[in-house]
C-alpha atoms as a PDB file:
ATOM      1  CA  UNK A   1      14.168 -13.141  14.487  1.00  0.00           C
ATOM      2  CA  UNK A   2      17.203 -11.108  15.621  1.00  0.00           C
ATOM      3  CA  UNK A   3      16.624  -7.865  17.442  1.00  0.00           C
ATOM      4  CA  UNK A   4      17.941  -5.766  14.506  1.00  0.00           C
ATOM      5  CA  UNK A   5      15.384  -7.384  12.214  1.00  0.00           C
ATOM      6  CA  UNK A   6      12.584  -6.871  14.754  1.00  0.00           C
ATOM      7  CA  UNK A   7      13.626  -3.212  14.893  1.00  0.00           C
ATOM      8  CA  UNK A   8      13.656  -2.981  11.080  1.00  0.00           C
ATOM      9  CA  UNK A   9      10.171  -4.488  10.964  1.00  0.00           C
ATOM     10  CA  UNK A  10       8.856  -2.000  13.530  1.00  0.00           C
ATOM     11  CA  UNK A  11      10.372   0.845  11.519  1.00  0.00           C
ATOM     12  CA  UNK A  12       8.626  -0.285   8.333  1.00  0.00           C
ATOM     13  CA  UNK A  13       5.272  -0.695  10.140  1.00  0.00           C
ATOM     14  CA  UNK A  14       5.475   2.828  11.596  1.00  0.00           C
ATOM     15  CA  UNK A  15       6.763   4.411   8.424  1.00  0.00           C
ATOM     16  CA  UNK A  16       4.149   2.817   6.178  1.00  0.00           C
ATOM     17  CA  UNK A  17       1.363   3.321   8.766  1.00  0.00           C
ATOM     18  CA  UNK A  18       2.152   7.058   9.129  1.00  0.00           C
ATOM     19  CA  UNK A  19       2.523   7.299   5.342  1.00  0.00           C
ATOM     20  CA  UNK A  20      -1.233   7.813   4.908  1.00  0.00           C
ATOM     21  CA  UNK A  21      -1.341  10.855   7.170  1.00  0.00           C
ATOM     22  CA  UNK A  22       1.635  12.274   5.246  1.00  0.00           C
ATOM     23  CA  UNK A  23      -0.274  11.682   1.977  1.00  0.00           C
ATOM     24  CA  UNK A  24      -3.227  13.651   3.437  1.00  0.00           C
ATOM     25  CA  UNK A  25      -0.883  16.515   4.187  1.00  0.00           C
ATOM     26  CA  UNK A  26       0.578  16.201   0.717  1.00  0.00           C
ATOM     27  CA  UNK A  27      -2.717  16.487  -1.167  1.00  0.00           C
ATOM     28  CA  UNK A  28      -3.391  19.638   0.882  1.00  0.00           C
ATOM     29  CA  UNK A  29      -0.126  21.036  -0.333  1.00  0.00           C
ATOM     30  CA  UNK A  30      -0.045  19.860  -3.968  1.00  0.00           C
ATOM     31  CA  UNK A  31      -2.553  18.671  -6.582  1.00  0.00           C
ATOM     32  CA  UNK A  32      -2.617  14.887  -6.175  1.00  0.00           C
ATOM     33  CA  UNK A  33      -1.174  14.021  -9.630  1.00  0.00           C
ATOM     34  CA  UNK A  34       1.633  16.513  -9.210  1.00  0.00           C
ATOM     35  CA  UNK A  35       2.405  15.037  -5.850  1.00  0.00           C
ATOM     36  CA  UNK A  36       2.723  11.617  -7.461  1.00  0.00           C
ATOM     37  CA  UNK A  37       5.101  13.000 -10.108  1.00  0.00           C
ATOM     38  CA  UNK A  38       7.274  14.607  -7.403  1.00  0.00           C
ATOM     39  CA  UNK A  39       7.320  11.450  -5.299  1.00  0.00           C
ATOM     40  CA  UNK A  40       8.666   9.182  -7.981  1.00  0.00           C
ATOM     41  CA  UNK A  41      10.863  11.785  -9.569  1.00  0.00           C
ATOM     42  CA  UNK A  42      12.869  11.949  -6.345  1.00  0.00           C
ATOM     43  CA  UNK A  43      12.757   8.175  -5.875  1.00  0.00           C
ATOM     44  CA  UNK A  44      14.421   7.723  -9.304  1.00  0.00           C
ATOM     45  CA  UNK A  45      16.841  10.664  -9.256  1.00  0.00           C
ATOM     46  CA  UNK A  46      19.690  10.756  -8.456  1.00  0.00           C
ATOM     47  CA  UNK A  47      19.523   7.152  -7.206  1.00  0.00           C
ATOM     48  CA  UNK A  48      19.241   5.670 -10.748  1.00  0.00           C
ATOM     49  CA  UNK A  49      22.827   6.819 -11.419  1.00  0.00           C
ATOM     50  CA  UNK A  50      24.166   4.777  -8.526  1.00  0.00           C
ATOM     51  CA  UNK A  51      21.812   1.758  -8.231  1.00  0.00           C
ATOM     52  CA  UNK A  52      22.345  -1.005 -10.809  1.00  0.00           C
ATOM     53  CA  UNK A  53      19.469  -1.938 -13.078  1.00  0.00           C
ATOM     54  CA  UNK A  54      17.521  -4.962 -11.835  1.00  0.00           C
ATOM     55  CA  UNK A  55      18.674  -8.207 -13.468  1.00  0.00           C
ATOM     56  CA  UNK A  56      15.236  -8.911 -15.069  1.00  0.00           C
ATOM     57  CA  UNK A  57      13.584  -8.167 -18.353  1.00  0.00           C
ATOM     58  CA  UNK A  58      12.595  -4.549 -19.006  1.00  0.00           C
ATOM     59  CA  UNK A  59       8.945  -5.646 -19.283  1.00  0.00           C
ATOM     60  CA  UNK A  60       8.940  -6.583 -15.610  1.00  0.00           C
ATOM     61  CA  UNK A  61      10.497  -3.270 -14.604  1.00  0.00           C
ATOM     62  CA  UNK A  62       7.898  -1.396 -16.714  1.00  0.00           C
ATOM     63  CA  UNK A  63       5.021  -3.533 -15.382  1.00  0.00           C
ATOM     64  CA  UNK A  64       6.178  -2.910 -11.810  1.00  0.00           C
ATOM     65  CA  UNK A  65       6.336   0.851 -12.443  1.00  0.00           C
ATOM     66  CA  UNK A  66       2.886   0.832 -14.060  1.00  0.00           C
ATOM     67  CA  UNK A  67       1.172  -1.125 -11.286  1.00  0.00           C
ATOM     68  CA  UNK A  68       2.733  -0.577  -7.874  1.00  0.00           C
ATOM     69  CA  UNK A  69       4.189   2.872  -8.539  1.00  0.00           C
ATOM     70  CA  UNK A  70       1.766   4.506 -11.001  1.00  0.00           C
ATOM     71  CA  UNK A  71      -1.588   2.726 -10.738  1.00  0.00           C
ATOM     72  CA  UNK A  72      -1.570   2.228  -6.964  1.00  0.00           C
ATOM     73  CA  UNK A  73      -0.739   5.880  -6.193  1.00  0.00           C
ATOM     74  CA  UNK A  74      -2.844   7.526  -8.910  1.00  0.00           C
ATOM     75  CA  UNK A  75      -5.879   5.976  -7.267  1.00  0.00           C
ATOM     76  CA  UNK A  76      -4.721   6.286  -3.638  1.00  0.00           C
ATOM     77  CA  UNK A  77      -3.687   9.951  -3.887  1.00  0.00           C
ATOM     78  CA  UNK A  78      -6.934  10.816  -5.691  1.00  0.00           C
ATOM     79  CA  UNK A  79      -9.026   8.891  -3.107  1.00  0.00           C
ATOM     80  CA  UNK A  80      -7.512  10.725  -0.174  1.00  0.00           C
ATOM     81  CA  UNK A  81      -7.775  14.054  -2.048  1.00  0.00           C
ATOM     82  CA  UNK A  82     -11.515  13.392  -2.585  1.00  0.00           C
ATOM     83  CA  UNK A  83     -12.090  12.781   1.129  1.00  0.00           C
ATOM     84  CA  UNK A  84     -11.214   9.157   1.854  1.00  0.00           C
ATOM     85  CA  UNK A  85     -10.151   9.152   5.519  1.00  0.00           C
ATOM     86  CA  UNK A  86      -6.409   8.404   5.747  1.00  0.00           C
ATOM     87  CA  UNK A  87      -6.803   5.823   8.471  1.00  0.00           C
ATOM     88  CA  UNK A  88      -9.458   3.858   6.647  1.00  0.00           C
ATOM     89  CA  UNK A  89      -7.410   4.088   3.446  1.00  0.00           C
ATOM     90  CA  UNK A  90      -4.549   2.287   5.233  1.00  0.00           C
ATOM     91  CA  UNK A  91      -6.997  -0.487   6.063  1.00  0.00           C
ATOM     92  CA  UNK A  92      -8.877  -0.792   2.787  1.00  0.00           C
ATOM     93  CA  UNK A  93      -5.640  -0.855   0.877  1.00  0.00           C
ATOM     94  CA  UNK A  94      -4.851  -4.167   2.567  1.00  0.00           C
ATOM     95  CA  UNK A  95      -7.495  -5.724   0.315  1.00  0.00           C
ATOM     96  CA  UNK A  96      -4.473  -6.165  -1.980  1.00  0.00           C
ATOM     97  CA  UNK A  97      -3.843  -9.495  -0.133  1.00  0.00           C
ATOM     98  CA  UNK A  98      -7.182 -10.879  -1.336  1.00  0.00           C
ATOM     99  CA  UNK A  99      -6.821  -9.480  -4.834  1.00  0.00           C
ATOM    100  CA  UNK A 100      -3.373 -11.097  -5.059  1.00  0.00           C
ATOM    101  CA  UNK A 101      -4.827 -14.513  -4.133  1.00  0.00           C
ATOM    102  CA  UNK A 102      -7.570 -14.117  -6.758  1.00  0.00           C
ATOM    103  CA  UNK A 103      -5.206 -12.916  -9.530  1.00  0.00           C
ATOM    104  CA  UNK A 104      -2.706 -15.665  -8.744  1.00  0.00           C
ATOM    105  CA  UNK A 105      -5.480 -18.271  -9.064  1.00  0.00           C
ATOM    106  CA  UNK A 106      -6.652 -16.878 -12.449  1.00  0.00           C
ATOM    107  CA  UNK A 107      -3.265 -16.076 -13.979  1.00  0.00           C
ATOM    108  CA  UNK A 108      -0.818 -18.464 -12.333  1.00  0.00           C
ATOM    109  CA  UNK A 109      -3.372 -21.242 -11.627  1.00  0.00           C
ATOM    110  CA  UNK A 110      -2.454 -21.316  -7.947  1.00  0.00           C
ATOM    111  CA  UNK A 111      -4.916 -23.181  -5.713  1.00  0.00           C
ATOM    112  CA  UNK A 112      -7.479 -21.216  -3.686  1.00  0.00           C
ATOM    113  CA  UNK A 113      -7.967 -22.860  -0.296  1.00  0.00           C
ATOM    114  CA  UNK A 114     -11.004 -22.792   1.977  1.00  0.00           C
ATOM    115  CA  UNK A 115      -9.314 -20.332   4.333  1.00  0.00           C
ATOM    116  CA  UNK A 116      -8.719 -17.980   1.400  1.00  0.00           C
ATOM    117  CA  UNK A 117     -12.447 -18.015   0.587  1.00  0.00           C
ATOM    118  CA  UNK A 118     -13.400 -17.524   4.260  1.00  0.00           C
ATOM    119  CA  UNK A 119     -10.909 -14.690   4.660  1.00  0.00           C
ATOM    120  CA  UNK A 120     -12.144 -12.932   1.510  1.00  0.00           C
ATOM    121  CA  UNK A 121     -15.763 -13.331   2.633  1.00  0.00           C
ATOM    122  CA  UNK A 122     -15.007 -11.762   6.048  1.00  0.00           C
ATOM    123  CA  UNK A 123     -13.135  -8.934   4.385  1.00  0.00           C
ATOM    124  CA  UNK A 124     -16.122  -8.224   2.081  1.00  0.00           C
ATOM    125  CA  UNK A 125     -18.444  -8.078   5.072  1.00  0.00           C
ATOM    126  CA  UNK A 126     -15.997  -5.739   6.918  1.00  0.00           C
ATOM    127  CA  UNK A 127     -15.636  -3.421   3.946  1.00  0.00           C
ATOM    128  CA  UNK A 128     -19.437  -3.200   3.673  1.00  0.00           C
ATOM    129  CA  UNK A 129     -19.649  -2.218   7.360  1.00  0.00           C
ATOM    130  CA  UNK A 130     -17.177   0.618   6.923  1.00  0.00           C
ATOM    131  CA  UNK A 131     -19.678   2.898   5.250  1.00  0.00           C
ATOM    132  CA  UNK A 132     -22.532   2.266   7.678  1.00  0.00           C
ATOM    133  CA  UNK A 133     -21.663   4.954  10.273  1.00  0.00           C
ATOM    134  CA  UNK A 134     -23.807   7.956   9.416  1.00  0.00           C
ATOM    135  CA  UNK A 135     -22.790   9.867  12.549  1.00  0.00           C
ATOM    136  CA  UNK A 136     -19.013   9.209  12.106  1.00  0.00           C
ATOM    137  CA  UNK A 137     -16.273  10.162   9.668  1.00  0.00           C
ATOM    138  CA  UNK A 138     -17.834  10.127   6.186  1.00  0.00           C
ATOM    139  CA  UNK A 139     -16.523   7.612   3.748  1.00  0.00           C
ATOM    140  CA  UNK A 140     -17.154   8.887   0.203  1.00  0.00           C
ATOM    141  CA  UNK A 141     -18.103   6.131  -2.170  1.00  0.00           C
ATOM    142  CA  UNK A 142     -15.778   7.372  -4.910  1.00  0.00           C
ATOM    143  CA  UNK A 143     -12.846   7.495  -2.519  1.00  0.00           C
ATOM    144  CA  UNK A 144     -13.637   4.057  -1.246  1.00  0.00           C
ATOM    145  CA  UNK A 145     -13.789   2.596  -4.733  1.00  0.00           C
ATOM    146  CA  UNK A 146     -10.604   4.386  -5.800  1.00  0.00           C
ATOM    147  CA  UNK A 147      -8.797   2.849  -2.757  1.00  0.00           C
ATOM    148  CA  UNK A 148      -9.932  -0.586  -3.834  1.00  0.00           C
ATOM    149  CA  UNK A 149      -8.566   0.159  -7.309  1.00  0.00           C
ATOM    150  CA  UNK A 150      -5.269   1.114  -5.658  1.00  0.00           C
ATOM    151  CA  UNK A 151      -5.290  -2.234  -3.789  1.00  0.00           C
ATOM    152  CA  UNK A 152      -5.982  -4.038  -7.093  1.00  0.00           C
ATOM    153  CA  UNK A 153      -3.006  -2.257  -8.723  1.00  0.00           C
ATOM    154  CA  UNK A 154      -0.758  -3.213  -5.787  1.00  0.00           C
ATOM    155  CA  UNK A 155      -1.927  -6.834  -6.157  1.00  0.00           C
ATOM    156  CA  UNK A 156      -1.132  -6.751  -9.873  1.00  0.00           C
ATOM    157  CA  UNK A 157       2.380  -5.566  -8.978  1.00  0.00           C
ATOM    158  CA  UNK A 158       2.736  -8.448  -6.535  1.00  0.00           C
ATOM    159  CA  UNK A 159       2.055 -10.882  -9.392  1.00  0.00           C
ATOM    160  CA  UNK A 160       4.598  -9.025 -11.557  1.00  0.00           C
ATOM    161  CA  UNK A 161       7.226  -9.523  -8.847  1.00  0.00           C
ATOM    162  CA  UNK A 162       6.331 -13.181  -8.466  1.00  0.00           C
ATOM    163  CA  UNK A 163       6.711 -13.739 -12.239  1.00  0.00           C
ATOM    164  CA  UNK A 164       9.989 -11.794 -12.255  1.00  0.00           C
ATOM    165  CA  UNK A 165      11.560 -14.219  -9.773  1.00  0.00           C
ATOM    166  CA  UNK A 166      14.508 -13.271  -7.566  1.00  0.00           C
ATOM    167  CA  UNK A 167      15.131  -9.574  -7.873  1.00  0.00           C
ATOM    168  CA  UNK A 168      16.992  -6.941  -5.841  1.00  0.00           C
ATOM    169  CA  UNK A 169      14.145  -4.793  -4.491  1.00  0.00           C
ATOM    170  CA  UNK A 170      16.083  -1.529  -4.254  1.00  0.00           C
ATOM    171  CA  UNK A 171      16.978  -1.771  -7.906  1.00  0.00           C
ATOM    172  CA  UNK A 172      13.369  -2.552  -8.871  1.00  0.00           C
ATOM    173  CA  UNK A 173      12.000   0.319  -6.814  1.00  0.00           C
ATOM    174  CA  UNK A 174      14.449   2.881  -8.226  1.00  0.00           C
ATOM    175  CA  UNK A 175      14.299   1.815 -11.828  1.00  0.00           C
ATOM    176  CA  UNK A 176      10.556   1.191 -11.721  1.00  0.00           C
ATOM    177  CA  UNK A 177      10.181   4.805 -10.509  1.00  0.00           C
ATOM    178  CA  UNK A 178      11.447   6.043 -13.864  1.00  0.00           C
ATOM    179  CA  UNK A 179       8.116   5.318 -15.486  1.00  0.00           C
ATOM    180  CA  UNK A 180       5.533   7.185 -13.318  1.00  0.00           C
ATOM    181  CA  UNK A 181       6.651  10.838 -13.376  1.00  0.00           C
ATOM    182  CA  UNK A 182       5.733  11.530 -16.992  1.00  0.00           C
ATOM    183  CA  UNK A 183       2.211   9.926 -16.846  1.00  0.00           C
ATOM    184  CA  UNK A 184       1.661  11.711 -13.508  1.00  0.00           C
ATOM    185  CA  UNK A 185       2.626  15.038 -15.071  1.00  0.00           C
ATOM    186  CA  UNK A 186       0.423  14.440 -18.099  1.00  0.00           C
ATOM    187  CA  UNK A 187      -2.548  13.611 -15.853  1.00  0.00           C
ATOM    188  CA  UNK A 188      -1.792  16.690 -13.787  1.00  0.00           C
ATOM    189  CA  UNK A 189      -1.610  18.899 -16.919  1.00  0.00           C
ATOM    190  CA  UNK A 190      -4.917  17.589 -18.273  1.00  0.00           C
ATOM    191  CA  UNK A 191      -7.019  17.359 -15.106  1.00  0.00           C
ATOM    192  CA  UNK A 192      -5.363  19.883 -12.717  1.00  0.00           C
ATOM    193  CA  UNK A 193      -4.137  22.429 -15.204  1.00  0.00           C
ATOM    194  CA  UNK A 194      -0.848  24.245 -15.768  1.00  0.00           C
ATOM    195  CA  UNK A 195      -1.870  27.042 -13.405  1.00  0.00           C
ATOM    196  CA  UNK A 196      -2.200  24.656 -10.440  1.00  0.00           C
ATOM    197  CA  UNK A 197       1.101  22.983 -11.296  1.00  0.00           C
ATOM    198  CA  UNK A 198       2.927  26.290 -11.376  1.00  0.00           C
ATOM    199  CA  UNK A 199       1.216  27.426  -8.168  1.00  0.00           C
ATOM    200  CA  UNK A 200       2.054  24.133  -6.417  1.00  0.00           C
ATOM    201  CA  UNK A 201       5.729  24.333  -7.346  1.00  0.00           C
ATOM    202  CA  UNK A 202       6.260  28.085  -6.733  1.00  0.00           C
ATOM    203  CA  UNK A 203       4.329  28.344  -3.423  1.00  0.00           C
ATOM    204  CA  UNK A 204       5.649  25.190  -1.837  1.00  0.00           C
ATOM    205  CA  UNK A 205       5.980  25.356   1.956  1.00  0.00           C
ATOM    206  CA  UNK A 206       8.465  23.644   4.204  1.00  0.00           C
ATOM    207  CA  UNK A 207       5.722  21.154   5.085  1.00  0.00           C
ATOM    208  CA  UNK A 208       5.350  20.391   1.344  1.00  0.00           C
ATOM    209  CA  UNK A 209       9.096  19.765   1.050  1.00  0.00           C
ATOM    210  CA  UNK A 210       8.938  17.458   4.104  1.00  0.00           C
ATOM    211  CA  UNK A 211       6.058  15.534   2.521  1.00  0.00           C
ATOM    212  CA  UNK A 212       7.936  14.878  -0.678  1.00  0.00           C
ATOM    213  CA  UNK A 213      11.120  13.873   1.254  1.00  0.00           C
ATOM    214  CA  UNK A 214       9.094  11.532   3.440  1.00  0.00           C
ATOM    215  CA  UNK A 215       7.158   9.917   0.599  1.00  0.00           C
ATOM    216  CA  UNK A 216      10.122   9.440  -1.704  1.00  0.00           C
ATOM    217  CA  UNK A 217      13.055   8.884   0.684  1.00  0.00           C
ATOM    218  CA  UNK A 218      11.493   7.374   3.785  1.00  0.00           C
ATOM    219  CA  UNK A 219       8.279   5.543   2.752  1.00  0.00           C
ATOM    220  CA  UNK A 220       9.547   4.354  -0.593  1.00  0.00           C
ATOM    221  CA  UNK A 221      13.291   3.863  -0.446  1.00  0.00           C
ATOM    222  CA  UNK A 222      13.816   3.095   3.234  1.00  0.00           C
ATOM    223  CA  UNK A 223      10.527   1.205   3.603  1.00  0.00           C
ATOM    224  CA  UNK A 224      10.999  -1.090   0.593  1.00  0.00           C
ATOM    225  CA  UNK A 225      14.655  -1.726   1.212  1.00  0.00           C
ATOM    226  CA  UNK A 226      14.108  -2.836   4.831  1.00  0.00           C
ATOM    227  CA  UNK A 227      11.012  -4.883   3.863  1.00  0.00           C
ATOM    228  CA  UNK A 228      12.946  -6.578   1.056  1.00  0.00           C
ATOM    229  CA  UNK A 229      15.802  -7.476   3.409  1.00  0.00           C
ATOM    230  CA  UNK A 230      13.315  -9.025   5.891  1.00  0.00           C
ATOM    231  CA  UNK A 231      11.766 -11.085   3.131  1.00  0.00           C
ATOM    232  CA  UNK A 232      15.220 -12.232   1.984  1.00  0.00           C
ATOM    233  CA  UNK A 233      16.328 -13.242   5.510  1.00  0.00           C
ATOM    234  CA  UNK A 234      13.132 -14.862   6.874  1.00  0.00           C
ATOM    235  CA  UNK A 235      10.246 -17.058   5.636  1.00  0.00           C
ATOM    236  CA  UNK A 236       7.449 -15.091   3.941  1.00  0.00           C
ATOM    237  CA  UNK A 237       4.997 -16.651   6.433  1.00  0.00           C
ATOM    238  CA  UNK A 238       6.914 -14.995   9.326  1.00  0.00           C
ATOM    239  CA  UNK A 239       7.256 -11.560   7.689  1.00  0.00           C
ATOM    240  CA  UNK A 240       3.977 -11.106   5.810  1.00  0.00           C
ATOM    241  CA  UNK A 241       1.721 -11.150   8.915  1.00  0.00           C
ATOM    242  CA  UNK A 242       3.564  -8.033  10.201  1.00  0.00           C
ATOM    243  CA  UNK A 243       1.765  -6.042   7.569  1.00  0.00           C
ATOM    244  CA  UNK A 244      -1.452  -6.475   9.608  1.00  0.00           C
ATOM    245  CA  UNK A 245      -0.082  -3.879  12.005  1.00  0.00           C
ATOM    246  CA  UNK A 246       0.263  -1.204   9.253  1.00  0.00           C
ATOM    247  CA  UNK A 247      -3.460  -0.273   9.221  1.00  0.00           C
ATOM    248  CA  UNK A 248      -3.442  -0.290  13.054  1.00  0.00           C
ATOM    249  CA  UNK A 249      -0.744   2.358  12.978  1.00  0.00           C
ATOM    250  CA  UNK A 250      -2.492   4.133  10.179  1.00  0.00           C
ATOM    251  CA  UNK A 251      -5.806   4.328  12.097  1.00  0.00           C
ATOM    252  CA  UNK A 252      -4.154   5.477  15.278  1.00  0.00           C
ATOM    253  CA  UNK A 253      -2.033   8.194  13.495  1.00  0.00           C
ATOM    254  CA  UNK A 254      -5.161   9.456  11.656  1.00  0.00           C
ATOM    255  CA  UNK A 255      -7.005   9.615  14.986  1.00  0.00           C
ATOM    256  CA  UNK A 256      -4.195  11.355  16.908  1.00  0.00           C
ATOM    257  CA  UNK A 257      -2.885  13.688  14.185  1.00  0.00           C
ATOM    258  CA  UNK A 258      -5.862  14.386  11.916  1.00  0.00           C
ATOM    259  CA  UNK A 259      -8.633  13.953  14.462  1.00  0.00           C
ATOM    260  CA  UNK A 260     -10.451  11.349  12.343  1.00  0.00           C
ATOM    261  CA  UNK A 261     -13.001   9.957  14.766  1.00  0.00           C
ATOM    262  CA  UNK A 262     -14.452   6.672  13.612  1.00  0.00           C
ATOM    263  CA  UNK A 263     -17.857   5.419  14.655  1.00  0.00           C
ATOM    264  CA  UNK A 264     -18.915   2.062  15.983  1.00  0.00           C
ATOM    265  CA  UNK A 265     -19.684   0.522  12.580  1.00  0.00           C
ATOM    266  CA  UNK A 266     -16.367   1.634  11.098  1.00  0.00           C
ATOM    267  CA  UNK A 267     -14.368   0.206  13.967  1.00  0.00           C
ATOM    268  CA  UNK A 268     -16.403  -2.962  13.673  1.00  0.00           C
ATOM    269  CA  UNK A 269     -15.866  -3.147   9.931  1.00  0.00           C
ATOM    270  CA  UNK A 270     -12.174  -2.544  10.356  1.00  0.00           C
ATOM    271  CA  UNK A 271     -11.938  -5.309  12.931  1.00  0.00           C
ATOM    272  CA  UNK A 272     -13.770  -7.764  10.652  1.00  0.00           C
ATOM    273  CA  UNK A 273     -11.345  -6.875   7.773  1.00  0.00           C
ATOM    274  CA  UNK A 274      -8.352  -7.513  10.051  1.00  0.00           C
ATOM    275  CA  UNK A 275      -9.860 -10.881  11.096  1.00  0.00           C
ATOM    276  CA  UNK A 276     -10.296 -11.752   7.413  1.00  0.00           C
ATOM    277  CA  UNK A 277      -6.666 -10.829   6.711  1.00  0.00           C
ATOM    278  CA  UNK A 278      -5.533 -12.972   9.656  1.00  0.00           C
ATOM    279  CA  UNK A 279      -7.574 -15.973   8.393  1.00  0.00           C
ATOM    280  CA  UNK A 280      -6.097 -15.496   4.949  1.00  0.00           C
ATOM    281  CA  UNK A 281      -2.536 -15.492   6.320  1.00  0.00           C
ATOM    282  CA  UNK A 282      -2.745 -18.099   9.066  1.00  0.00           C
ATOM    283  CA  UNK A 283      -5.636 -20.330   7.861  1.00  0.00           C
ATOM    284  CA  UNK A 284      -3.376 -23.018   6.447  1.00  0.00           C
ATOM    285  CA  UNK A 285      -1.338 -23.204   9.599  1.00  0.00           C
ATOM    286  CA  UNK A 286      -4.418 -23.426  11.779  1.00  0.00           C
ATOM    287  CA  UNK A 287      -5.934 -26.115   9.575  1.00  0.00           C
ATOM    288  CA  UNK A 288      -2.712 -28.173   9.799  1.00  0.00           C
ATOM    289  CA  UNK A 289      -2.710 -27.779  13.568  1.00  0.00           C
ATOM    290  CA  UNK A 290      -6.310 -28.991  13.842  1.00  0.00           C
ATOM    291  CA  UNK A 291      -5.570 -32.007  11.615  1.00  0.00           C
ATOM    292  CA  UNK A 292      -2.583 -32.903  13.754  1.00  0.00           C
ATOM    293  CA  UNK A 293      -4.670 -32.598  16.897  1.00  0.00           C
ATOM    294  CA  UNK A 294      -7.327 -34.787  15.433  1.00  0.00           C
ATOM    295  CA  UNK A 295      -4.834 -37.438  14.384  1.00  0.00           C
ATOM    296  CA  UNK A 296      -3.122 -37.372  17.801  1.00  0.00           C
ATOM    297  CA  UNK A 297      -6.458 -37.920  19.451  1.00  0.00           C
END
């Protein structure tokens, strides 16, 4: 991989890993549904006037907006607002890899291999361990479940992209962002109330402005464009494993910036989840290597 692509990958890993701390700051500044509306409003505008519409059916654009943009961040923002630690959210969200495998098997009839089952089993054990540390950072059950729903929404979006075929990611991100602002605003009006919306918009601080700029411009536009280019230039098997470093950055940023101190069981659970993700990604390659060794012997 050329140095410029390695640099791009590192930028994405750091940007997306730190994203969870920024979301924590954001839900302290704005009601979570209003924050979602602002994020995707500024992803879509004014970029939609300059970025061509993706060359796929509108149903794929709408489905992408409803899953990866709306569903994922409704649940994730609410989870962190309700107390889900930002660092652990970055880890639990990676369950999307396992949900993607399961949905692809059910919907697209793709084969589920032994290493997929083993990886999913390890991840389930790791997720169960995350909530065992009574003397460490609390993990509210509701926040934990909402983060899993966010991961499920992301996985559904992955299937939408797979069904859509070859698509320019910048176009899909910008045009898919047209859908979420109105549902986010409706949810904000119903559950957060007009008074909180007005207060959030009229009393916004410079930190709040920075949060919206980061989430919309850096994490969404810059992150997805660089990631899309990496996927276009290199095999998925070479690029996808880099996502394993995102929760590592997320956990470290949450520790350093937010002071989220995790206990033994949570570090152990996080490690088991990462092992499960690694088995899921590299299991086929390892199995082929073992078969070649056995045949050579």
